[in-house]
Amino acid sequence: LQLAKDATSMKPTLEPGDIVLVDRDDPRGASDFKSGKIYAVRMGRNDEGCAVKRLHGDSGGLIISSDNTKDFPPQRAWTADLQKLIVGRVVWGWRNLLEA
């Protein structure tokens, strides 16, 4: 998965254009979910694409957050069902330093 060239929501952890590797088998279930980690998530019920965000669990469900919280405030996830929300966990990232 390559981040869009204008995707600044996860700066400084991930920069626009970075390539990430997503483990589509993680989490396998609720016991494997790691609050505060980076996941590829569906941002809406009918969303065919995905976004790379941090997910936090709380007593009310799940919170989707960006690392660039100044421009992108946290929001409550549209569902608490991990299977519907999460595409997979981001496990690796690559940045082209020739363009840095």
PDB file of N, CA and C in Angstrom:
ATOM      1  N   LEU A   1       0.846  -1.168   0.000  1.00  0.00           N
ATOM      2  CA  LEU A   1       0.000   0.000   0.000  1.00  0.00           C
ATOM      3  C   LEU A   1       0.893   1.233   0.000  1.00  0.00           C
ATOM      4  N   GLN A   2       0.649   2.163  -0.891  1.00  0.00           N
ATOM      5  CA  GLN A   2       1.416   3.403  -0.934  1.00  0.00           C
ATOM      6  C   GLN A   2       0.526   4.541  -0.461  1.00  0.00           C
ATOM      7  N   LEU A   3       1.066   5.353   0.455  1.00  0.00           N
ATOM      8  CA  LEU A   3       0.318   6.499   0.948  1.00  0.00           C
ATOM      9  C   LEU A   3       0.211   7.546  -0.149  1.00  0.00           C
ATOM     10  N   ALA A   4      -0.926   8.198  -0.212  1.00  0.00           N
ATOM     11  CA  ALA A   4      -1.143   9.238  -1.218  1.00  0.00           C
ATOM     12  C   ALA A   4      -0.131  10.362  -1.048  1.00  0.00           C
ATOM     13  N   LYS A   5       0.207  11.007  -2.139  1.00  0.00           N
ATOM     14  CA  LYS A   5       1.203  12.088  -2.121  1.00  0.00           C
ATOM     15  C   LYS A   5       0.766  13.267  -1.253  1.00  0.00           C
ATOM     16  N   ASP A   6      -0.532  13.394  -0.991  1.00  0.00           N
ATOM     17  CA  ASP A   6      -1.017  14.492  -0.157  1.00  0.00           C
ATOM     18  C   ASP A   6      -1.472  14.014   1.226  1.00  0.00           C
ATOM     19  N   ALA A   7      -1.141  12.779   1.581  1.00  0.00           N
ATOM     20  CA  ALA A   7      -1.556  12.203   2.863  1.00  0.00           C
ATOM     21  C   ALA A   7      -0.605  12.647   3.974  1.00  0.00           C
ATOM     22  N   THR A   8      -1.010  13.653   4.711  1.00  0.00           N
ATOM     23  CA  THR A   8      -0.151  14.189   5.767  1.00  0.00           C
ATOM     24  C   THR A   8      -0.635  13.832   7.168  1.00  0.00           C
ATOM     25  N   SER A   9      -1.681  13.038   7.272  1.00  0.00           N
ATOM     26  CA  SER A   9      -2.277  12.769   8.580  1.00  0.00           C
ATOM     27  C   SER A   9      -1.386  11.957   9.512  1.00  0.00           C
ATOM     28  N   MET A  10      -0.450  11.183   8.993  1.00  0.00           N
ATOM     29  CA  MET A  10       0.394  10.352   9.857  1.00  0.00           C
ATOM     30  C   MET A  10       1.816  10.898  10.012  1.00  0.00           C
ATOM     31  N   LYS A  11       2.031  12.163   9.575  1.00  0.00           N
ATOM     32  CA  LYS A  11       3.342  12.782   9.764  1.00  0.00           C
ATOM     33  C   LYS A  11       3.577  13.001  11.249  1.00  0.00           C
ATOM     34  N   PRO A  12       4.751  12.844  11.773  1.00  0.00           N
ATOM     35  CA  PRO A  12       6.011  12.570  11.100  1.00  0.00           C
ATOM     36  C   PRO A  12       6.336  11.075  10.977  1.00  0.00           C
ATOM     37  N   THR A  13       5.485  10.196  11.533  1.00  0.00           N
ATOM     38  CA  THR A  13       5.784   8.761  11.494  1.00  0.00           C
ATOM     39  C   THR A  13       5.847   8.252  10.067  1.00  0.00           C
ATOM     40  N   LEU A  14       4.851   8.601   9.272  1.00  0.00           N
ATOM     41  CA  LEU A  14       4.797   8.224   7.863  1.00  0.00           C
ATOM     42  C   LEU A  14       4.638   9.483   7.032  1.00  0.00           C
ATOM     43  N   GLU A  15       5.387   9.563   5.964  1.00  0.00           N
ATOM     44  CA  GLU A  15       5.354  10.721   5.071  1.00  0.00           C
ATOM     45  C   GLU A  15       4.537  10.396   3.825  1.00  0.00           C
ATOM     46  N   PRO A  16       3.966  11.413   3.178  1.00  0.00           N
ATOM     47  CA  PRO A  16       3.267  11.172   1.916  1.00  0.00           C
ATOM     48  C   PRO A  16       4.167  10.435   0.924  1.00  0.00           C
ATOM     49  N   GLY A  17       3.627   9.413   0.274  1.00  0.00           N
ATOM     50  CA  GLY A  17       4.390   8.629  -0.691  1.00  0.00           C
ATOM     51  C   GLY A  17       5.094   7.426  -0.109  1.00  0.00           C
ATOM     52  N   ASP A  18       5.158   7.311   1.235  1.00  0.00           N
ATOM     53  CA  ASP A  18       5.773   6.127   1.847  1.00  0.00           C
ATOM     54  C   ASP A  18       5.011   4.873   1.446  1.00  0.00           C
ATOM     55  N   ILE A  19       5.709   3.772   1.398  1.00  0.00           N
ATOM     56  CA  ILE A  19       5.100   2.478   1.115  1.00  0.00           C
ATOM     57  C   ILE A  19       5.067   1.690   2.413  1.00  0.00           C
ATOM     58  N   VAL A  20       3.907   1.108   2.731  1.00  0.00           N
ATOM     59  CA  VAL A  20       3.780   0.311   3.945  1.00  0.00           C
ATOM     60  C   VAL A  20       3.355  -1.110   3.593  1.00  0.00           C
ATOM     61  N   LEU A  21       3.793  -2.036   4.433  1.00  0.00           N
ATOM     62  CA  LEU A  21       3.404  -3.435   4.302  1.00  0.00           C
ATOM     63  C   LEU A  21       2.334  -3.716   5.349  1.00  0.00           C
ATOM     64  N   VAL A  22       1.222  -4.272   4.911  1.00  0.00           N
ATOM     65  CA  VAL A  22       0.082  -4.534   5.786  1.00  0.00           C
ATOM     66  C   VAL A  22      -0.094  -6.037   5.952  1.00  0.00           C
ATOM     67  N   ASP A  23      -0.089  -6.498   7.208  1.00  0.00           N
ATOM     68  CA  ASP A  23      -0.361  -7.896   7.520  1.00  0.00           C
ATOM     69  C   ASP A  23      -1.872  -8.052   7.645  1.00  0.00           C
ATOM     70  N   ARG A  24      -2.490  -8.622   6.621  1.00  0.00           N
ATOM     71  CA  ARG A  24      -3.950  -8.745   6.588  1.00  0.00           C
ATOM     72  C   ARG A  24      -4.465  -9.802   7.562  1.00  0.00           C
ATOM     73  N   ASP A  25      -3.577 -10.591   8.158  1.00  0.00           N
ATOM     74  CA  ASP A  25      -3.982 -11.585   9.151  1.00  0.00           C
ATOM     75  C   ASP A  25      -3.868 -11.066  10.577  1.00  0.00           C
ATOM     76  N   ASP A  26      -3.527  -9.808  10.754  1.00  0.00           N
ATOM     77  CA  ASP A  26      -3.366  -9.235  12.094  1.00  0.00           C
ATOM     78  C   ASP A  26      -4.323  -8.059  12.236  1.00  0.00           C
ATOM     79  N   PRO A  27      -5.231  -8.043  13.156  1.00  0.00           N
ATOM     80  CA  PRO A  27      -5.385  -9.035  14.215  1.00  0.00           C
ATOM     81  C   PRO A  27      -6.260 -10.208  13.763  1.00  0.00           C
ATOM     82  N   ARG A  28      -5.972 -11.368  14.319  1.00  0.00           N
ATOM     83  CA  ARG A  28      -6.770 -12.557  14.017  1.00  0.00           C
ATOM     84  C   ARG A  28      -8.079 -12.541  14.804  1.00  0.00           C
ATOM     85  N   GLY A  29      -8.075 -11.825  15.909  1.00  0.00           N
ATOM     86  CA  GLY A  29      -9.267 -11.699  16.745  1.00  0.00           C
ATOM     87  C   GLY A  29      -9.066 -10.581  17.742  1.00  0.00           C
ATOM     88  N   ALA A  30     -10.067 -10.357  18.578  1.00  0.00           N
ATOM     89  CA  ALA A  30     -10.012  -9.256  19.541  1.00  0.00           C
ATOM     90  C   ALA A  30      -8.819  -9.384  20.487  1.00  0.00           C
ATOM     91  N   SER A  31      -8.404 -10.596  20.805  1.00  0.00           N
ATOM     92  CA  SER A  31      -7.282 -10.768  21.733  1.00  0.00           C
ATOM     93  C   SER A  31      -5.943 -10.368  21.105  1.00  0.00           C
ATOM     94  N   ASP A  32      -5.867 -10.317  19.778  1.00  0.00           N
ATOM     95  CA  ASP A  32      -4.638  -9.908  19.083  1.00  0.00           C
ATOM     96  C   ASP A  32      -4.564  -8.406  18.833  1.00  0.00           C
ATOM     97  N   PHE A  33      -5.675  -7.693  18.997  1.00  0.00           N
ATOM     98  CA  PHE A  33      -5.695  -6.252  18.755  1.00  0.00           C
ATOM     99  C   PHE A  33      -4.793  -5.544  19.759  1.00  0.00           C
ATOM    100  N   LYS A  34      -3.944  -4.634  19.249  1.00  0.00           N
ATOM    101  CA  LYS A  34      -3.015  -3.869  20.086  1.00  0.00           C
ATOM    102  C   LYS A  34      -3.391  -2.394  20.007  1.00  0.00           C
ATOM    103  N   SER A  35      -3.960  -1.873  21.072  1.00  0.00           N
ATOM    104  CA  SER A  35      -4.354  -0.472  21.123  1.00  0.00           C
ATOM    105  C   SER A  35      -3.132   0.428  20.952  1.00  0.00           C
ATOM    106  N   GLY A  36      -3.282   1.464  20.139  1.00  0.00           N
ATOM    107  CA  GLY A  36      -2.204   2.423  19.916  1.00  0.00           C
ATOM    108  C   GLY A  36      -1.294   2.079  18.750  1.00  0.00           C
ATOM    109  N   LYS A  37      -1.487   0.945  18.114  1.00  0.00           N
ATOM    110  CA  LYS A  37      -0.664   0.545  16.974  1.00  0.00           C
ATOM    111  C   LYS A  37      -1.278   1.061  15.671  1.00  0.00           C
ATOM    112  N   ILE A  38      -0.508   0.968  14.595  1.00  0.00           N
ATOM    113  CA  ILE A  38      -0.929   1.499  13.299  1.00  0.00           C
ATOM    114  C   ILE A  38      -1.573   0.389  12.465  1.00  0.00           C
ATOM    115  N   TYR A  39      -2.755   0.695  11.941  1.00  0.00           N
ATOM    116  CA  TYR A  39      -3.520  -0.252  11.142  1.00  0.00           C
ATOM    117  C   TYR A  39      -4.007   0.417   9.857  1.00  0.00           C
ATOM    118  N   ALA A  40      -4.259  -0.397   8.842  1.00  0.00           N
ATOM    119  CA  ALA A  40      -4.999   0.051   7.663  1.00  0.00           C
ATOM    120  C   ALA A  40      -6.465  -0.183   8.004  1.00  0.00           C
ATOM    121  N   VAL A  41      -7.268   0.878   7.935  1.00  0.00           N
ATOM    122  CA  VAL A  41      -8.668   0.790   8.354  1.00  0.00           C
ATOM    123  C   VAL A  41      -9.605   1.315   7.272  1.00  0.00           C
ATOM    124  N   ARG A  42     -10.815   0.792   7.289  1.00  0.00           N
ATOM    125  CA  ARG A  42     -11.883   1.318   6.447  1.00  0.00           C
ATOM    126  C   ARG A  42     -12.496   2.492   7.202  1.00  0.00           C
ATOM    127  N   MET A  43     -12.582   3.645   6.554  1.00  0.00           N
ATOM    128  CA  MET A  43     -13.051   4.845   7.238  1.00  0.00           C
ATOM    129  C   MET A  43     -14.574   4.982   7.247  1.00  0.00           C
ATOM    130  N   GLY A  44     -15.266   4.102   6.547  1.00  0.00           N
ATOM    131  CA  GLY A  44     -16.724   4.128   6.532  1.00  0.00           C
ATOM    132  C   GLY A  44     -17.275   2.795   6.093  1.00  0.00           C
ATOM    133  N   ARG A  45     -18.524   2.585   6.355  1.00  0.00           N
ATOM    134  CA  ARG A  45     -19.191   1.322   6.048  1.00  0.00           C
ATOM    135  C   ARG A  45     -19.084   0.964   4.565  1.00  0.00           C
ATOM    136  N   ASN A  46     -19.213   1.935   3.680  1.00  0.00           N
ATOM    137  CA  ASN A  46     -19.191   1.679   2.237  1.00  0.00           C
ATOM    138  C   ASN A  46     -17.858   2.063   1.596  1.00  0.00           C
ATOM    139  N   ASP A  47     -16.851   2.290   2.408  1.00  0.00           N
ATOM    140  CA  ASP A  47     -15.545   2.729   1.907  1.00  0.00           C
ATOM    141  C   ASP A  47     -14.792   1.543   1.324  1.00  0.00           C
ATOM    142  N   GLU A  48     -14.504   1.604   0.026  1.00  0.00           N
ATOM    143  CA  GLU A  48     -13.770   0.523  -0.621  1.00  0.00           C
ATOM    144  C   GLU A  48     -12.268   0.671  -0.434  1.00  0.00           C
ATOM    145  N   GLY A  49     -11.802   1.879  -0.124  1.00  0.00           N
ATOM    146  CA  GLY A  49     -10.390   2.111   0.115  1.00  0.00           C
ATOM    147  C   GLY A  49     -10.075   1.970   1.599  1.00  0.00           C
ATOM    148  N   CYS A  50      -8.887   2.378   1.956  1.00  0.00           N
ATOM    149  CA  CYS A  50      -8.524   2.343   3.366  1.00  0.00           C
ATOM    150  C   CYS A  50      -7.575   3.496   3.674  1.00  0.00           C
ATOM    151  N   ALA A  51      -7.408   3.757   4.957  1.00  0.00           N
ATOM    152  CA  ALA A  51      -6.493   4.790   5.431  1.00  0.00           C
ATOM    153  C   ALA A  51      -5.584   4.159   6.473  1.00  0.00           C
ATOM    154  N   VAL A  52      -4.405   4.712   6.627  1.00  0.00           N
ATOM    155  CA  VAL A  52      -3.460   4.229   7.630  1.00  0.00           C
ATOM    156  C   VAL A  52      -3.593   5.145   8.843  1.00  0.00           C
ATOM    157  N   LYS A  53      -3.980   4.554   9.976  1.00  0.00           N
ATOM    158  CA  LYS A  53      -4.259   5.308  11.197  1.00  0.00           C
ATOM    159  C   LYS A  53      -3.866   4.497  12.431  1.00  0.00           C
ATOM    160  N   ARG A  54      -3.762   5.192  13.549  1.00  0.00           N
ATOM    161  CA  ARG A  54      -3.613   4.513  14.838  1.00  0.00           C
ATOM    162  C   ARG A  54      -5.008   4.206  15.363  1.00  0.00           C
ATOM    163  N   LEU A  55      -5.144   3.058  15.996  1.00  0.00           N
ATOM    164  CA  LEU A  55      -6.417   2.676  16.610  1.00  0.00           C
ATOM    165  C   LEU A  55      -6.220   2.538  18.113  1.00  0.00           C
ATOM    166  N   HIS A  56      -7.128   3.127  18.851  1.00  0.00           N
ATOM    167  CA  HIS A  56      -7.097   3.045  20.306  1.00  0.00           C
ATOM    168  C   HIS A  56      -8.431   2.489  20.777  1.00  0.00           C
ATOM    169  N   GLY A  57      -8.367   1.528  21.683  1.00  0.00           N
ATOM    170  CA  GLY A  57      -9.577   0.993  22.281  1.00  0.00           C
ATOM    171  C   GLY A  57      -9.891   1.742  23.565  1.00  0.00           C
ATOM    172  N   ASP A  58     -11.179   2.024  23.784  1.00  0.00           N
ATOM    173  CA  ASP A  58     -11.603   2.587  25.063  1.00  0.00           C
ATOM    174  C   ASP A  58     -12.937   1.957  25.435  1.00  0.00           C
ATOM    175  N   SER A  59     -13.486   2.350  26.545  1.00  0.00           N
ATOM    176  CA  SER A  59     -14.710   1.712  27.029  1.00  0.00           C
ATOM    177  C   SER A  59     -15.894   1.922  26.077  1.00  0.00           C
ATOM    178  N   GLY A  60     -15.828   2.949  25.219  1.00  0.00           N
ATOM    179  CA  GLY A  60     -16.922   3.227  24.295  1.00  0.00           C
ATOM    180  C   GLY A  60     -16.738   2.626  22.919  1.00  0.00           C
ATOM    181  N   GLY A  61     -15.637   1.936  22.680  1.00  0.00           N
ATOM    182  CA  GLY A  61     -15.387   1.345  21.368  1.00  0.00           C
ATOM    183  C   GLY A  61     -13.983   1.622  20.897  1.00  0.00           C
ATOM    184  N   LEU A  62     -13.845   2.131  19.685  1.00  0.00           N
ATOM    185  CA  LEU A  62     -12.535   2.369  19.086  1.00  0.00           C
ATOM    186  C   LEU A  62     -12.414   3.820  18.638  1.00  0.00           C
ATOM    187  N   ILE A  63     -11.227   4.364  18.817  1.00  0.00           N
ATOM    188  CA  ILE A  63     -10.912   5.716  18.391  1.00  0.00           C
ATOM    189  C   ILE A  63      -9.879   5.629  17.269  1.00  0.00           C
ATOM    190  N   ILE A  64     -10.144   6.314  16.154  1.00  0.00           N
ATOM    191  CA  ILE A  64      -9.209   6.403  15.036  1.00  0.00           C
ATOM    192  C   ILE A  64      -8.450   7.708  15.191  1.00  0.00           C
ATOM    193  N   SER A  65      -7.109   7.624  15.201  1.00  0.00           N
ATOM    194  CA  SER A  65      -6.338   8.857  15.355  1.00  0.00           C
ATOM    195  C   SER A  65      -5.186   8.907  14.369  1.00  0.00           C
ATOM    196  N   SER A  66      -4.759  10.129  14.124  1.00  0.00           N
ATOM    197  CA  SER A  66      -3.614  10.404  13.269  1.00  0.00           C
ATOM    198  C   SER A  66      -2.462  10.845  14.143  1.00  0.00           C
ATOM    199  N   ASP A  67      -1.251  10.747  13.644  1.00  0.00           N
ATOM    200  CA  ASP A  67      -0.115  11.272  14.392  1.00  0.00           C
ATOM    201  C   ASP A  67      -0.046  12.791  14.268  1.00  0.00           C
ATOM    202  N   ASN A  68      -0.592  13.349  13.194  1.00  0.00           N
ATOM    203  CA  ASN A  68      -0.678  14.788  12.986  1.00  0.00           C
ATOM    204  C   ASN A  68      -2.017  15.259  13.578  1.00  0.00           C
ATOM    205  N   THR A  69      -2.101  15.269  14.914  1.00  0.00           N
ATOM    206  CA  THR A  69      -3.369  15.593  15.573  1.00  0.00           C
ATOM    207  C   THR A  69      -3.740  17.068  15.454  1.00  0.00           C
ATOM    208  N   LYS A  70      -2.769  17.919  15.137  1.00  0.00           N
ATOM    209  CA  LYS A  70      -3.057  19.350  14.971  1.00  0.00           C
ATOM    210  C   LYS A  70      -4.044  19.566  13.819  1.00  0.00           C
ATOM    211  N   ASP A  71      -3.820  18.874  12.724  1.00  0.00           N
ATOM    212  CA  ASP A  71      -4.661  19.034  11.533  1.00  0.00           C
ATOM    213  C   ASP A  71      -5.740  17.969  11.394  1.00  0.00           C
ATOM    214  N   PHE A  72      -5.578  16.853  12.107  1.00  0.00           N
ATOM    215  CA  PHE A  72      -6.501  15.722  11.980  1.00  0.00           C
ATOM    216  C   PHE A  72      -6.879  15.209  13.373  1.00  0.00           C
ATOM    217  N   PRO A  73      -7.945  15.744  13.978  1.00  0.00           N
ATOM    218  CA  PRO A  73      -8.326  15.328  15.328  1.00  0.00           C
ATOM    219  C   PRO A  73      -8.843  13.884  15.355  1.00  0.00           C
ATOM    220  N   PRO A  74      -8.711  13.213  16.498  1.00  0.00           N
ATOM    221  CA  PRO A  74      -9.227  11.842  16.634  1.00  0.00           C
ATOM    222  C   PRO A  74     -10.732  11.803  16.420  1.00  0.00           C
ATOM    223  N   GLN A  75     -11.211  10.637  16.004  1.00  0.00           N
ATOM    224  CA  GLN A  75     -12.645  10.452  15.806  1.00  0.00           C
ATOM    225  C   GLN A  75     -13.043   9.042  16.214  1.00  0.00           C
ATOM    226  N   ARG A  76     -14.272   8.903  16.619  1.00  0.00           N
ATOM    227  CA  ARG A  76     -14.791   7.582  16.978  1.00  0.00           C
ATOM    228  C   ARG A  76     -14.975   6.763  15.709  1.00  0.00           C
ATOM    229  N   ALA A  77     -14.583   5.491  15.761  1.00  0.00           N
ATOM    230  CA  ALA A  77     -14.737   4.590  14.613  1.00  0.00           C
ATOM    231  C   ALA A  77     -16.218   4.354  14.335  1.00  0.00           C
ATOM    232  N   TRP A  78     -16.533   4.121  13.091  1.00  0.00           N
ATOM    233  CA  TRP A  78     -17.921   3.907  12.679  1.00  0.00           C
ATOM    234  C   TRP A  78     -18.470   2.567  13.164  1.00  0.00           C
ATOM    235  N   THR A  79     -17.578   1.659  13.580  1.00  0.00           N
ATOM    236  CA  THR A  79     -17.983   0.363  14.133  1.00  0.00           C
ATOM    237  C   THR A  79     -16.935  -0.103  15.141  1.00  0.00           C
ATOM    238  N   ALA A  80     -17.358  -0.923  16.077  1.00  0.00           N
ATOM    239  CA  ALA A  80     -16.433  -1.541  17.029  1.00  0.00           C
ATOM    240  C   ALA A  80     -16.062  -2.955  16.584  1.00  0.00           C
ATOM    241  N   ASP A  81     -16.599  -3.394  15.454  1.00  0.00           N
ATOM    242  CA  ASP A  81     -16.313  -4.727  14.916  1.00  0.00           C
ATOM    243  C   ASP A  81     -14.960  -4.687  14.201  1.00  0.00           C
ATOM    244  N   LEU A  82     -13.959  -5.299  14.811  1.00  0.00           N
ATOM    245  CA  LEU A  82     -12.599  -5.274  14.256  1.00  0.00           C
ATOM    246  C   LEU A  82     -12.532  -5.862  12.851  1.00  0.00           C
ATOM    247  N   GLN A  83     -13.302  -6.898  12.590  1.00  0.00           N
ATOM    248  CA  GLN A  83     -13.274  -7.550  11.275  1.00  0.00           C
ATOM    249  C   GLN A  83     -13.796  -6.630  10.173  1.00  0.00           C
ATOM    250  N   LYS A  84     -14.745  -5.785  10.485  1.00  0.00           N
ATOM    251  CA  LYS A  84     -15.292  -4.852   9.500  1.00  0.00           C
ATOM    252  C   LYS A  84     -14.412  -3.614   9.349  1.00  0.00           C
ATOM    253  N   LEU A  85     -13.785  -3.182  10.439  1.00  0.00           N
ATOM    254  CA  LEU A  85     -13.029  -1.940  10.450  1.00  0.00           C
ATOM    255  C   LEU A  85     -11.604  -2.097   9.922  1.00  0.00           C
ATOM    256  N   ILE A  86     -10.917  -3.147  10.383  1.00  0.00           N
ATOM    257  CA  ILE A  86      -9.483  -3.280  10.121  1.00  0.00           C
ATOM    258  C   ILE A  86      -9.211  -4.117   8.882  1.00  0.00           C
ATOM    259  N   VAL A  87      -8.379  -3.565   7.993  1.00  0.00           N
ATOM    260  CA  VAL A  87      -7.884  -4.307   6.834  1.00  0.00           C
ATOM    261  C   VAL A  87      -6.694  -5.151   7.269  1.00  0.00           C
ATOM    262  N   GLY A  88      -5.816  -4.590   8.110  1.00  0.00           N
ATOM    263  CA  GLY A  88      -4.649  -5.296   8.618  1.00  0.00           C
ATOM    264  C   GLY A  88      -3.748  -4.343   9.381  1.00  0.00           C
ATOM    265  N   ARG A  89      -2.748  -4.909  10.034  1.00  0.00           N
ATOM    266  CA  ARG A  89      -1.811  -4.099  10.811  1.00  0.00           C
ATOM    267  C   ARG A  89      -0.612  -3.708   9.950  1.00  0.00           C
ATOM    268  N   VAL A  90      -0.222  -2.441  10.043  1.00  0.00           N
ATOM    269  CA  VAL A  90       0.962  -1.960   9.327  1.00  0.00           C
ATOM    270  C   VAL A  90       2.187  -2.470  10.087  1.00  0.00           C
ATOM    271  N   VAL A  91       3.026  -3.247   9.391  1.00  0.00           N
ATOM    272  CA  VAL A  91       4.172  -3.883  10.055  1.00  0.00           C
ATOM    273  C   VAL A  91       5.516  -3.391   9.539  1.00  0.00           C
ATOM    274  N   TRP A  92       5.510  -2.592   8.460  1.00  0.00           N
ATOM    275  CA  TRP A  92       6.773  -2.163   7.865  1.00  0.00           C
ATOM    276  C   TRP A  92       6.518  -0.947   6.996  1.00  0.00           C
ATOM    277  N   GLY A  93       7.504  -0.062   6.916  1.00  0.00           N
ATOM    278  CA  GLY A  93       7.387   1.103   6.067  1.00  0.00           C
ATOM    279  C   GLY A  93       8.681   1.379   5.314  1.00  0.00           C
ATOM    280  N   TRP A  94       8.558   1.983   4.127  1.00  0.00           N
ATOM    281  CA  TRP A  94       9.722   2.313   3.301  1.00  0.00           C
ATOM    282  C   TRP A  94       9.542   3.717   2.764  1.00  0.00           C
ATOM    283  N   ARG A  95      10.636   4.468   2.818  1.00  0.00           N
ATOM    284  CA  ARG A  95      10.630   5.846   2.322  1.00  0.00           C
ATOM    285  C   ARG A  95      11.741   5.991   1.312  1.00  0.00           C
ATOM    286  N   ASN A  96      11.450   6.608   0.183  1.00  0.00           N
ATOM    287  CA  ASN A  96      12.445   6.876  -0.841  1.00  0.00           C
ATOM    288  C   ASN A  96      13.252   8.103  -0.420  1.00  0.00           C
ATOM    289  N   LEU A  97      14.470   7.917   0.018  1.00  0.00           N
ATOM    290  CA  LEU A  97      15.304   9.016   0.505  1.00  0.00           C
ATOM    291  C   LEU A  97      15.915   9.839  -0.617  1.00  0.00           C
ATOM    292  N   LEU A  98      15.799   9.371  -1.856  1.00  0.00           N
ATOM    293  CA  LEU A  98      16.298  10.162  -2.973  1.00  0.00           C
ATOM    294  C   LEU A  98      15.476  11.438  -3.155  1.00  0.00           C
ATOM    295  N   GLU A  99      14.236  11.392  -2.720  1.00  0.00           N
ATOM    296  CA  GLU A  99      13.354  12.558  -2.832  1.00  0.00           C
ATOM    297  C   GLU A  99      13.318  13.384  -1.559  1.00  0.00           C
ATOM    298  N   ALA A 100      14.042  12.986  -0.546  1.00  0.00           N
ATOM    299  CA  ALA A 100      14.017  13.694   0.750  1.00  0.00           C
ATOM    300  C   ALA A 100      14.880  14.946   0.690  1.00  0.00           C
TER     301      ALA A 100
END
